[in-house]
Amino acid sequence: MCRLYDYRPMICRLHGIPHEVRQPGRGFERGPGCRAFGARCGEKNYIKFDRTPFYMEMARLEKEFKQRLNTTVKFKKTIAEMITEKNKG
């Protein structure tokens, strides 16, 4: 575990879990999850876990945030970099 573990965002919390994502024009993309997850939790039948609604909401929030800042600049930082900078101040 790292210093950021308690503050990790949902994307980090979901890492390794088998999932699906709907991408416009591409249909479903299924991620099998990681081997470590399978080893710890056992190989089980796939249970549909569609991350699309979560990702769509995150994209909406990012768009709203940029509109309020009146910017189109892309953030060139990892989530960990953003969290650690916030906790420094």
PDB file of N, CA and C in Angstrom:
ATOM      1  N   MET A   1       0.848  -1.195   0.000  1.00  0.00           N
ATOM      2  CA  MET A   1       0.000   0.000   0.000  1.00  0.00           C
ATOM      3  C   MET A   1       0.885   1.247   0.000  1.00  0.00           C
ATOM      4  N   CYS A   2       0.379   2.278  -0.644  1.00  0.00           N
ATOM      5  CA  CYS A   2       1.114   3.536  -0.702  1.00  0.00           C
ATOM      6  C   CYS A   2       0.430   4.577   0.187  1.00  0.00           C
ATOM      7  N   ARG A   3       1.056   5.740   0.301  1.00  0.00           N
ATOM      8  CA  ARG A   3       0.490   6.824   1.122  1.00  0.00           C
ATOM      9  C   ARG A   3      -0.875   7.277   0.627  1.00  0.00           C
ATOM     10  N   LEU A   4      -1.129   7.094  -0.653  1.00  0.00           N
ATOM     11  CA  LEU A   4      -2.382   7.565  -1.245  1.00  0.00           C
ATOM     12  C   LEU A   4      -3.520   6.553  -1.135  1.00  0.00           C
ATOM     13  N   TYR A   5      -3.232   5.401  -0.600  1.00  0.00           N
ATOM     14  CA  TYR A   5      -4.197   4.301  -0.635  1.00  0.00           C
ATOM     15  C   TYR A   5      -5.574   4.699  -0.102  1.00  0.00           C
ATOM     16  N   ASP A   6      -5.631   5.359   1.027  1.00  0.00           N
ATOM     17  CA  ASP A   6      -6.918   5.754   1.614  1.00  0.00           C
ATOM     18  C   ASP A   6      -7.657   6.793   0.777  1.00  0.00           C
ATOM     19  N   TYR A   7      -6.948   7.494  -0.108  1.00  0.00           N
ATOM     20  CA  TYR A   7      -7.540   8.566  -0.904  1.00  0.00           C
ATOM     21  C   TYR A   7      -7.676   8.188  -2.379  1.00  0.00           C
ATOM     22  N   ARG A   8      -7.399   6.951  -2.721  1.00  0.00           N
ATOM     23  CA  ARG A   8      -7.383   6.544  -4.120  1.00  0.00           C
ATOM     24  C   ARG A   8      -8.765   6.701  -4.749  1.00  0.00           C
ATOM     25  N   PRO A   9      -8.797   7.109  -6.005  1.00  0.00           N
ATOM     26  CA  PRO A   9     -10.075   7.284  -6.682  1.00  0.00           C
ATOM     27  C   PRO A   9     -10.689   5.939  -7.075  1.00  0.00           C
ATOM     28  N   MET A  10     -11.934   5.983  -7.493  1.00  0.00           N
ATOM     29  CA  MET A  10     -12.669   4.773  -7.829  1.00  0.00           C
ATOM     30  C   MET A  10     -11.955   3.944  -8.896  1.00  0.00           C
ATOM     31  N   ILE A  11     -11.350   4.578  -9.884  1.00  0.00           N
ATOM     32  CA  ILE A  11     -10.672   3.832 -10.943  1.00  0.00           C
ATOM     33  C   ILE A  11      -9.597   2.928 -10.353  1.00  0.00           C
ATOM     34  N   CYS A  12      -8.927   3.395  -9.319  1.00  0.00           N
ATOM     35  CA  CYS A  12      -7.897   2.588  -8.665  1.00  0.00           C
ATOM     36  C   CYS A  12      -8.532   1.476  -7.832  1.00  0.00           C
ATOM     37  N   ARG A  13      -9.636   1.798  -7.191  1.00  0.00           N
ATOM     38  CA  ARG A  13     -10.307   0.807  -6.357  1.00  0.00           C
ATOM     39  C   ARG A  13     -10.850  -0.352  -7.188  1.00  0.00           C
ATOM     40  N   LEU A  14     -11.174  -0.085  -8.439  1.00  0.00           N
ATOM     41  CA  LEU A  14     -11.741  -1.113  -9.316  1.00  0.00           C
ATOM     42  C   LEU A  14     -10.694  -1.882 -10.106  1.00  0.00           C
ATOM     43  N   HIS A  15      -9.435  -1.498  -9.986  1.00  0.00           N
ATOM     44  CA  HIS A  15      -8.376  -2.134 -10.763  1.00  0.00           C
ATOM     45  C   HIS A  15      -8.345  -3.640 -10.527  1.00  0.00           C
ATOM     46  N   GLY A  16      -8.271  -4.379 -11.619  1.00  0.00           N
ATOM     47  CA  GLY A  16      -8.139  -5.826 -11.526  1.00  0.00           C
ATOM     48  C   GLY A  16      -9.441  -6.590 -11.587  1.00  0.00           C
ATOM     49  N   ILE A  17     -10.567  -5.912 -11.393  1.00  0.00           N
ATOM     50  CA  ILE A  17     -11.860  -6.583 -11.417  1.00  0.00           C
ATOM     51  C   ILE A  17     -12.312  -6.725 -12.873  1.00  0.00           C
ATOM     52  N   PRO A  18     -12.763  -7.907 -13.291  1.00  0.00           N
ATOM     53  CA  PRO A  18     -13.281  -8.067 -14.652  1.00  0.00           C
ATOM     54  C   PRO A  18     -14.405  -7.053 -14.901  1.00  0.00           C
ATOM     55  N   HIS A  19     -14.442  -6.481 -16.118  1.00  0.00           N
ATOM     56  CA  HIS A  19     -15.399  -5.416 -16.382  1.00  0.00           C
ATOM     57  C   HIS A  19     -15.708  -5.291 -17.873  1.00  0.00           C
ATOM     58  N   GLU A  20     -16.689  -4.457 -18.176  1.00  0.00           N
ATOM     59  CA  GLU A  20     -17.056  -4.108 -19.541  1.00  0.00           C
ATOM     60  C   GLU A  20     -17.109  -2.595 -19.668  1.00  0.00           C
ATOM     61  N   VAL A  21     -16.832  -2.125 -20.878  1.00  0.00           N
ATOM     62  CA  VAL A  21     -16.960  -0.704 -21.195  1.00  0.00           C
ATOM     63  C   VAL A  21     -17.583  -0.615 -22.588  1.00  0.00           C
ATOM     64  N   ARG A  22     -18.599   0.237 -22.738  1.00  0.00           N
ATOM     65  CA  ARG A  22     -19.206   0.489 -24.050  1.00  0.00           C
ATOM     66  C   ARG A  22     -18.538   1.699 -24.659  1.00  0.00           C
ATOM     67  N   GLN A  23     -17.954   1.515 -25.831  1.00  0.00           N
ATOM     68  CA  GLN A  23     -17.308   2.630 -26.515  1.00  0.00           C
ATOM     69  C   GLN A  23     -18.074   2.929 -27.798  1.00  0.00           C
ATOM     70  N   PRO A  24     -18.387   4.210 -28.035  1.00  0.00           N
ATOM     71  CA  PRO A  24     -19.139   4.567 -29.235  1.00  0.00           C
ATOM     72  C   PRO A  24     -18.494   3.997 -30.500  1.00  0.00           C
ATOM     73  N   GLY A  25     -19.294   3.304 -31.296  1.00  0.00           N
ATOM     74  CA  GLY A  25     -18.810   2.751 -32.549  1.00  0.00           C
ATOM     75  C   GLY A  25     -18.002   1.469 -32.425  1.00  0.00           C
ATOM     76  N   ARG A  26     -17.764   1.010 -31.212  1.00  0.00           N
ATOM     77  CA  ARG A  26     -16.960  -0.202 -31.028  1.00  0.00           C
ATOM     78  C   ARG A  26     -17.686  -1.319 -30.288  1.00  0.00           C
ATOM     79  N   GLY A  27     -18.826  -1.034 -29.714  1.00  0.00           N
ATOM     80  CA  GLY A  27     -19.519  -2.052 -28.928  1.00  0.00           C
ATOM     81  C   GLY A  27     -18.874  -2.221 -27.568  1.00  0.00           C
ATOM     82  N   PHE A  28     -19.039  -3.409 -27.002  1.00  0.00           N
ATOM     83  CA  PHE A  28     -18.499  -3.697 -25.673  1.00  0.00           C
ATOM     84  C   PHE A  28     -17.054  -4.148 -25.759  1.00  0.00           C
ATOM     85  N   GLU A  29     -16.288  -3.709 -24.791  1.00  0.00           N
ATOM     86  CA  GLU A  29     -14.927  -4.191 -24.624  1.00  0.00           C
ATOM     87  C   GLU A  29     -14.892  -4.810 -23.235  1.00  0.00           C
ATOM     88  N   ARG A  30     -14.475  -6.044 -23.157  1.00  0.00           N
ATOM     89  CA  ARG A  30     -14.446  -6.731 -21.862  1.00  0.00           C
ATOM     90  C   ARG A  30     -13.008  -6.858 -21.383  1.00  0.00           C
ATOM     91  N   GLY A  31     -12.772  -6.427 -20.150  1.00  0.00           N
ATOM     92  CA  GLY A  31     -11.464  -6.582 -19.521  1.00  0.00           C
ATOM     93  C   GLY A  31     -11.521  -7.776 -18.587  1.00  0.00           C
ATOM     94  N   PRO A  32     -10.600  -8.709 -18.715  1.00  0.00           N
ATOM     95  CA  PRO A  32     -10.669  -9.941 -17.924  1.00  0.00           C
ATOM     96  C   PRO A  32     -10.302  -9.779 -16.449  1.00  0.00           C
ATOM     97  N   GLY A  33      -9.735  -8.654 -16.083  1.00  0.00           N
ATOM     98  CA  GLY A  33      -9.225  -8.497 -14.722  1.00  0.00           C
ATOM     99  C   GLY A  33      -7.798  -8.996 -14.668  1.00  0.00           C
ATOM    100  N   CYS A  34      -7.177  -8.878 -13.538  1.00  0.00           N
ATOM    101  CA  CYS A  34      -5.769  -9.289 -13.441  1.00  0.00           C
ATOM    102  C   CYS A  34      -5.655 -10.676 -12.816  1.00  0.00           C
ATOM    103  N   ARG A  35      -4.528 -11.323 -13.049  1.00  0.00           N
ATOM    104  CA  ARG A  35      -4.288 -12.669 -12.510  1.00  0.00           C
ATOM    105  C   ARG A  35      -4.278 -12.663 -10.984  1.00  0.00           C
ATOM    106  N   ALA A  36      -3.743 -11.597 -10.384  1.00  0.00           N
ATOM    107  CA  ALA A  36      -3.682 -11.530  -8.919  1.00  0.00           C
ATOM    108  C   ALA A  36      -5.091 -11.537  -8.327  1.00  0.00           C
ATOM    109  N   PHE A  37      -6.012 -10.814  -8.968  1.00  0.00           N
ATOM    110  CA  PHE A  37      -7.405 -10.802  -8.501  1.00  0.00           C
ATOM    111  C   PHE A  37      -7.987 -12.215  -8.589  1.00  0.00           C
ATOM    112  N   GLY A  38      -7.752 -12.873  -9.725  1.00  0.00           N
ATOM    113  CA  GLY A  38      -8.247 -14.234  -9.907  1.00  0.00           C
ATOM    114  C   GLY A  38      -7.664 -15.201  -8.888  1.00  0.00           C
ATOM    115  N   ALA A  39      -6.389 -15.043  -8.587  1.00  0.00           N
ATOM    116  CA  ALA A  39      -5.736 -15.925  -7.622  1.00  0.00           C
ATOM    117  C   ALA A  39      -6.288 -15.721  -6.214  1.00  0.00           C
ATOM    118  N   ARG A  40      -6.546 -14.475  -5.855  1.00  0.00           N
ATOM    119  CA  ARG A  40      -7.049 -14.178  -4.500  1.00  0.00           C
ATOM    120  C   ARG A  40      -8.525 -14.513  -4.347  1.00  0.00           C
ATOM    121  N   CYS A  41      -9.305 -14.249  -5.394  1.00  0.00           N
ATOM    122  CA  CYS A  41     -10.759 -14.375  -5.286  1.00  0.00           C
ATOM    123  C   CYS A  41     -11.290 -15.642  -5.945  1.00  0.00           C
ATOM    124  N   GLY A  42     -10.420 -16.358  -6.640  1.00  0.00           N
ATOM    125  CA  GLY A  42     -10.852 -17.574  -7.314  1.00  0.00           C
ATOM    126  C   GLY A  42     -11.485 -17.256  -8.652  1.00  0.00           C
ATOM    127  N   GLU A  43     -11.332 -18.157  -9.568  1.00  0.00           N
ATOM    128  CA  GLU A  43     -11.942 -17.983 -10.887  1.00  0.00           C
ATOM    129  C   GLU A  43     -13.427 -18.293 -10.752  1.00  0.00           C
ATOM    130  N   LYS A  44     -14.237 -17.320 -10.988  1.00  0.00           N
ATOM    131  CA  LYS A  44     -15.694 -17.485 -10.873  1.00  0.00           C
ATOM    132  C   LYS A  44     -16.332 -17.137 -12.208  1.00  0.00           C
ATOM    133  N   ASN A  45     -17.595 -17.456 -12.349  1.00  0.00           N
ATOM    134  CA  ASN A  45     -18.317 -17.060 -13.550  1.00  0.00           C
ATOM    135  C   ASN A  45     -18.334 -15.546 -13.653  1.00  0.00           C
ATOM    136  N   TYR A  46     -18.266 -15.059 -14.877  1.00  0.00           N
ATOM    137  CA  TYR A  46     -18.253 -13.606 -15.105  1.00  0.00           C
ATOM    138  C   TYR A  46     -19.586 -13.001 -14.687  1.00  0.00           C
ATOM    139  N   ILE A  47     -19.528 -11.954 -13.896  1.00  0.00           N
ATOM    140  CA  ILE A  47     -20.719 -11.178 -13.518  1.00  0.00           C
ATOM    141  C   ILE A  47     -20.580  -9.838 -14.215  1.00  0.00           C
ATOM    142  N   LYS A  48     -21.585  -9.461 -14.979  1.00  0.00           N
ATOM    143  CA  LYS A  48     -21.504  -8.221 -15.748  1.00  0.00           C
ATOM    144  C   LYS A  48     -21.247  -7.030 -14.828  1.00  0.00           C
ATOM    145  N   PHE A  49     -20.194  -6.291 -15.150  1.00  0.00           N
ATOM    146  CA  PHE A  49     -19.842  -5.080 -14.407  1.00  0.00           C
ATOM    147  C   PHE A  49     -19.482  -4.022 -15.444  1.00  0.00           C
ATOM    148  N   ASP A  50     -20.465  -3.230 -15.813  1.00  0.00           N
ATOM    149  CA  ASP A  50     -20.298  -2.222 -16.865  1.00  0.00           C
ATOM    150  C   ASP A  50     -19.860  -0.904 -16.241  1.00  0.00           C
ATOM    151  N   ARG A  51     -18.626  -0.487 -16.540  1.00  0.00           N
ATOM    152  CA  ARG A  51     -18.080   0.758 -15.995  1.00  0.00           C
ATOM    153  C   ARG A  51     -18.513   1.985 -16.795  1.00  0.00           C
ATOM    154  N   THR A  52     -19.209   1.784 -17.898  1.00  0.00           N
ATOM    155  CA  THR A  52     -19.555   2.896 -18.787  1.00  0.00           C
ATOM    156  C   THR A  52     -20.268   4.041 -18.068  1.00  0.00           C
ATOM    157  N   PRO A  53     -21.324   3.792 -17.276  1.00  0.00           N
ATOM    158  CA  PRO A  53     -21.994   4.919 -16.611  1.00  0.00           C
ATOM    159  C   PRO A  53     -21.044   5.733 -15.732  1.00  0.00           C
ATOM    160  N   PHE A  54     -20.144   5.066 -15.021  1.00  0.00           N
ATOM    161  CA  PHE A  54     -19.180   5.764 -14.175  1.00  0.00           C
ATOM    162  C   PHE A  54     -18.261   6.639 -15.015  1.00  0.00           C
ATOM    163  N   TYR A  55     -17.718   6.088 -16.111  1.00  0.00           N
ATOM    164  CA  TYR A  55     -16.817   6.854 -16.973  1.00  0.00           C
ATOM    165  C   TYR A  55     -17.534   8.028 -17.631  1.00  0.00           C
ATOM    166  N   MET A  56     -18.799   7.821 -18.013  1.00  0.00           N
ATOM    167  CA  MET A  56     -19.564   8.916 -18.627  1.00  0.00           C
ATOM    168  C   MET A  56     -19.774  10.049 -17.630  1.00  0.00           C
ATOM    169  N   GLU A  57     -20.057   9.713 -16.390  1.00  0.00           N
ATOM    170  CA  GLU A  57     -20.249  10.738 -15.363  1.00  0.00           C
ATOM    171  C   GLU A  57     -18.945  11.479 -15.084  1.00  0.00           C
ATOM    172  N   MET A  58     -17.831  10.761 -15.058  1.00  0.00           N
ATOM    173  CA  MET A  58     -16.535  11.410 -14.854  1.00  0.00           C
ATOM    174  C   MET A  58     -16.218  12.371 -16.011  1.00  0.00           C
ATOM    175  N   ALA A  59     -16.530  11.972 -17.235  1.00  0.00           N
ATOM    176  CA  ALA A  59     -16.299  12.840 -18.396  1.00  0.00           C
ATOM    177  C   ALA A  59     -17.180  14.078 -18.312  1.00  0.00           C
ATOM    178  N   ARG A  60     -18.429  13.899 -17.864  1.00  0.00           N
ATOM    179  CA  ARG A  60     -19.333  15.048 -17.709  1.00  0.00           C
ATOM    180  C   ARG A  60     -18.803  16.015 -16.658  1.00  0.00           C
ATOM    181  N   LEU A  61     -18.348  15.494 -15.532  1.00  0.00           N
ATOM    182  CA  LEU A  61     -17.803  16.351 -14.473  1.00  0.00           C
ATOM    183  C   LEU A  61     -16.550  17.092 -14.940  1.00  0.00           C
ATOM    184  N   GLU A  62     -15.696  16.403 -15.685  1.00  0.00           N
ATOM    185  CA  GLU A  62     -14.483  17.052 -16.196  1.00  0.00           C
ATOM    186  C   GLU A  62     -14.841  18.177 -17.165  1.00  0.00           C
ATOM    187  N   LYS A  63     -15.825  17.922 -18.029  1.00  0.00           N
ATOM    188  CA  LYS A  63     -16.264  18.949 -18.985  1.00  0.00           C
ATOM    189  C   LYS A  63     -16.823  20.158 -18.239  1.00  0.00           C
ATOM    190  N   GLU A  64     -17.660  19.910 -17.239  1.00  0.00           N
ATOM    191  CA  GLU A  64     -18.239  21.002 -16.442  1.00  0.00           C
ATOM    192  C   GLU A  64     -17.146  21.790 -15.713  1.00  0.00           C
ATOM    193  N   PHE A  65     -16.187  21.081 -15.152  1.00  0.00           N
ATOM    194  CA  PHE A  65     -15.069  21.702 -14.447  1.00  0.00           C
ATOM    195  C   PHE A  65     -14.298  22.629 -15.385  1.00  0.00           C
ATOM    196  N   LYS A  66     -13.994  22.145 -16.587  1.00  0.00           N
ATOM    197  CA  LYS A  66     -13.252  22.950 -17.557  1.00  0.00           C
ATOM    198  C   LYS A  66     -14.063  24.158 -18.018  1.00  0.00           C
ATOM    199  N   GLN A  67     -15.371  23.987 -18.158  1.00  0.00           N
ATOM    200  CA  GLN A  67     -16.215  25.116 -18.549  1.00  0.00           C
ATOM    201  C   GLN A  67     -16.209  26.190 -17.465  1.00  0.00           C
ATOM    202  N   ARG A  68     -16.293  25.777 -16.219  1.00  0.00           N
ATOM    203  CA  ARG A  68     -16.275  26.745 -15.115  1.00  0.00           C
ATOM    204  C   ARG A  68     -14.938  27.465 -15.017  1.00  0.00           C
ATOM    205  N   LEU A  69     -13.861  26.770 -15.374  1.00  0.00           N
ATOM    206  CA  LEU A  69     -12.540  27.404 -15.381  1.00  0.00           C
ATOM    207  C   LEU A  69     -12.291  28.165 -16.676  1.00  0.00           C
ATOM    208  N   ASN A  70     -13.209  28.009 -17.631  1.00  0.00           N
ATOM    209  CA  ASN A  70     -13.077  28.623 -18.946  1.00  0.00           C
ATOM    210  C   ASN A  70     -11.744  28.226 -19.602  1.00  0.00           C
ATOM    211  N   THR A  71     -11.510  26.901 -19.632  1.00  0.00           N
ATOM    212  CA  THR A  71     -10.266  26.388 -20.203  1.00  0.00           C
ATOM    213  C   THR A  71     -10.526  25.134 -21.027  1.00  0.00           C
ATOM    214  N   THR A  72      -9.655  24.890 -21.961  1.00  0.00           N
ATOM    215  CA  THR A  72      -9.685  23.650 -22.733  1.00  0.00           C
ATOM    216  C   THR A  72      -8.371  22.896 -22.560  1.00  0.00           C
ATOM    217  N   VAL A  73      -7.540  23.379 -21.640  1.00  0.00           N
ATOM    218  CA  VAL A  73      -6.224  22.783 -21.393  1.00  0.00           C
ATOM    219  C   VAL A  73      -6.395  21.372 -20.848  1.00  0.00           C
ATOM    220  N   LYS A  74      -5.603  20.436 -21.376  1.00  0.00           N
ATOM    221  CA  LYS A  74      -5.609  19.072 -20.849  1.00  0.00           C
ATOM    222  C   LYS A  74      -4.678  18.993 -19.655  1.00  0.00           C
ATOM    223  N   PHE A  75      -5.088  18.245 -18.657  1.00  0.00           N
ATOM    224  CA  PHE A  75      -4.258  18.047 -17.479  1.00  0.00           C
ATOM    225  C   PHE A  75      -3.234  16.970 -17.796  1.00  0.00           C
ATOM    226  N   LYS A  76      -1.974  17.270 -17.595  1.00  0.00           N
ATOM    227  CA  LYS A  76      -0.886  16.341 -17.911  1.00  0.00           C
ATOM    228  C   LYS A  76      -0.306  15.753 -16.628  1.00  0.00           C
ATOM    229  N   LYS A  77      -1.160  15.387 -15.703  1.00  0.00           N
ATOM    230  CA  LYS A  77      -0.703  14.827 -14.434  1.00  0.00           C
ATOM    231  C   LYS A  77      -1.443  13.525 -14.167  1.00  0.00           C
ATOM    232  N   THR A  78      -0.775  12.652 -13.445  1.00  0.00           N
ATOM    233  CA  THR A  78      -1.453  11.438 -13.012  1.00  0.00           C
ATOM    234  C   THR A  78      -2.372  11.791 -11.842  1.00  0.00           C
ATOM    235  N   ILE A  79      -3.272  10.895 -11.533  1.00  0.00           N
ATOM    236  CA  ILE A  79      -4.163  11.112 -10.394  1.00  0.00           C
ATOM    237  C   ILE A  79      -3.341  11.226  -9.118  1.00  0.00           C
ATOM    238  N   ALA A  80      -2.313  10.394  -8.985  1.00  0.00           N
ATOM    239  CA  ALA A  80      -1.459  10.443  -7.787  1.00  0.00           C
ATOM    240  C   ALA A  80      -0.785  11.806  -7.651  1.00  0.00           C
ATOM    241  N   GLU A  81      -0.326  12.379  -8.773  1.00  0.00           N
ATOM    242  CA  GLU A  81       0.306  13.701  -8.728  1.00  0.00           C
ATOM    243  C   GLU A  81      -0.695  14.764  -8.286  1.00  0.00           C
ATOM    244  N   MET A  82      -1.923  14.693  -8.766  1.00  0.00           N
ATOM    245  CA  MET A  82      -2.942  15.673  -8.372  1.00  0.00           C
ATOM    246  C   MET A  82      -3.263  15.561  -6.895  1.00  0.00           C
ATOM    247  N   ILE A  83      -3.382  14.323  -6.394  1.00  0.00           N
ATOM    248  CA  ILE A  83      -3.716  14.118  -4.990  1.00  0.00           C
ATOM    249  C   ILE A  83      -2.599  14.600  -4.079  1.00  0.00           C
ATOM    250  N   THR A  84      -1.359  14.287  -4.414  1.00  0.00           N
ATOM    251  CA  THR A  84      -0.245  14.680  -3.543  1.00  0.00           C
ATOM    252  C   THR A  84      -0.066  16.187  -3.528  1.00  0.00           C
ATOM    253  N   GLU A  85      -0.285  16.852  -4.660  1.00  0.00           N
ATOM    254  CA  GLU A  85      -0.185  18.319  -4.681  1.00  0.00           C
ATOM    255  C   GLU A  85      -1.269  18.938  -3.827  1.00  0.00           C
ATOM    256  N   LYS A  86      -2.482  18.359  -3.850  1.00  0.00           N
ATOM    257  CA  LYS A  86      -3.575  18.888  -3.038  1.00  0.00           C
ATOM    258  C   LYS A  86      -3.237  18.748  -1.563  1.00  0.00           C
ATOM    259  N   ASN A  87      -2.647  17.636  -1.170  1.00  0.00           N
ATOM    260  CA  ASN A  87      -2.351  17.385   0.234  1.00  0.00           C
ATOM    261  C   ASN A  87      -1.123  18.157   0.734  1.00  0.00           C
ATOM    262  N   LYS A  88      -0.317  18.724  -0.156  1.00  0.00           N
ATOM    263  CA  LYS A  88       0.844  19.523   0.250  1.00  0.00           C
ATOM    264  C   LYS A  88       0.418  20.873   0.801  1.00  0.00           C
ATOM    265  N   GLY A  89      -0.663  21.424   0.231  1.00  0.00           N
ATOM    266  CA  GLY A  89      -1.065  22.782   0.592  1.00  0.00           C
ATOM    267  C   GLY A  89      -2.004  22.836   1.680  1.00  0.00           C
TER     268      GLY A  89
END
